[in-house]
Amino acid sequence: YSKVKRNDSSGSSTSSCRLYHRPT
């Protein structure tokens, strides 16, 4: 999860990060 969060800077990864946070 941390890896995806780190990519948050890219912006595009934000969508992916959101999906990963879904189960949170």
C-alpha atoms as a PDB file:
ATOM      1  CA  TYR A   1       0.000   0.000   0.000  1.00  0.00           C
ATOM      2  CA  SER A   2       2.848   2.379   0.850  1.00  0.00           C
ATOM      3  CA  LYS A   3       4.265   1.851  -2.623  1.00  0.00           C
ATOM      4  CA  VAL A   4       1.005   2.980  -4.246  1.00  0.00           C
ATOM      5  CA  LYS A   5       0.719   5.926  -1.885  1.00  0.00           C
ATOM      6  CA  ARG A   6       4.204   7.027  -2.879  1.00  0.00           C
ATOM      7  CA  ASN A   7       3.123   7.067  -6.542  1.00  0.00           C
ATOM      8  CA  ASP A   8       0.395   9.511  -5.513  1.00  0.00           C
ATOM      9  CA  SER A   9       2.771  12.242  -6.714  1.00  0.00           C
ATOM     10  CA  SER A  10       2.226  10.985 -10.250  1.00  0.00           C
ATOM     11  CA  GLY A  11      -1.468  11.805  -9.993  1.00  0.00           C
ATOM     12  CA  SER A  12      -2.460   9.040 -12.372  1.00  0.00           C
ATOM     13  CA  SER A  13      -1.645   6.532  -9.650  1.00  0.00           C
ATOM     14  CA  THR A  14      -4.150   8.353  -7.452  1.00  0.00           C
ATOM     15  CA  SER A  15      -6.911   6.253  -9.023  1.00  0.00           C
ATOM     16  CA  SER A  16      -5.078   3.038  -8.192  1.00  0.00           C
ATOM     17  CA  CYS A  17      -4.326   4.255  -4.688  1.00  0.00           C
ATOM     18  CA  ARG A  18      -8.032   4.895  -4.180  1.00  0.00           C
ATOM     19  CA  LEU A  19      -8.862   1.299  -5.054  1.00  0.00           C
ATOM     20  CA  TYR A  20      -6.242   0.050  -2.609  1.00  0.00           C
ATOM     21  CA  HIS A  21      -7.685   2.259   0.111  1.00  0.00           C
ATOM     22  CA  ARG A  22     -11.139   0.837  -0.546  1.00  0.00           C
ATOM     23  CA  PRO A  23     -10.608  -2.168   1.788  1.00  0.00           C
ATOM     24  CA  THR A  24      -9.124   0.112   4.404  1.00  0.00           C
END
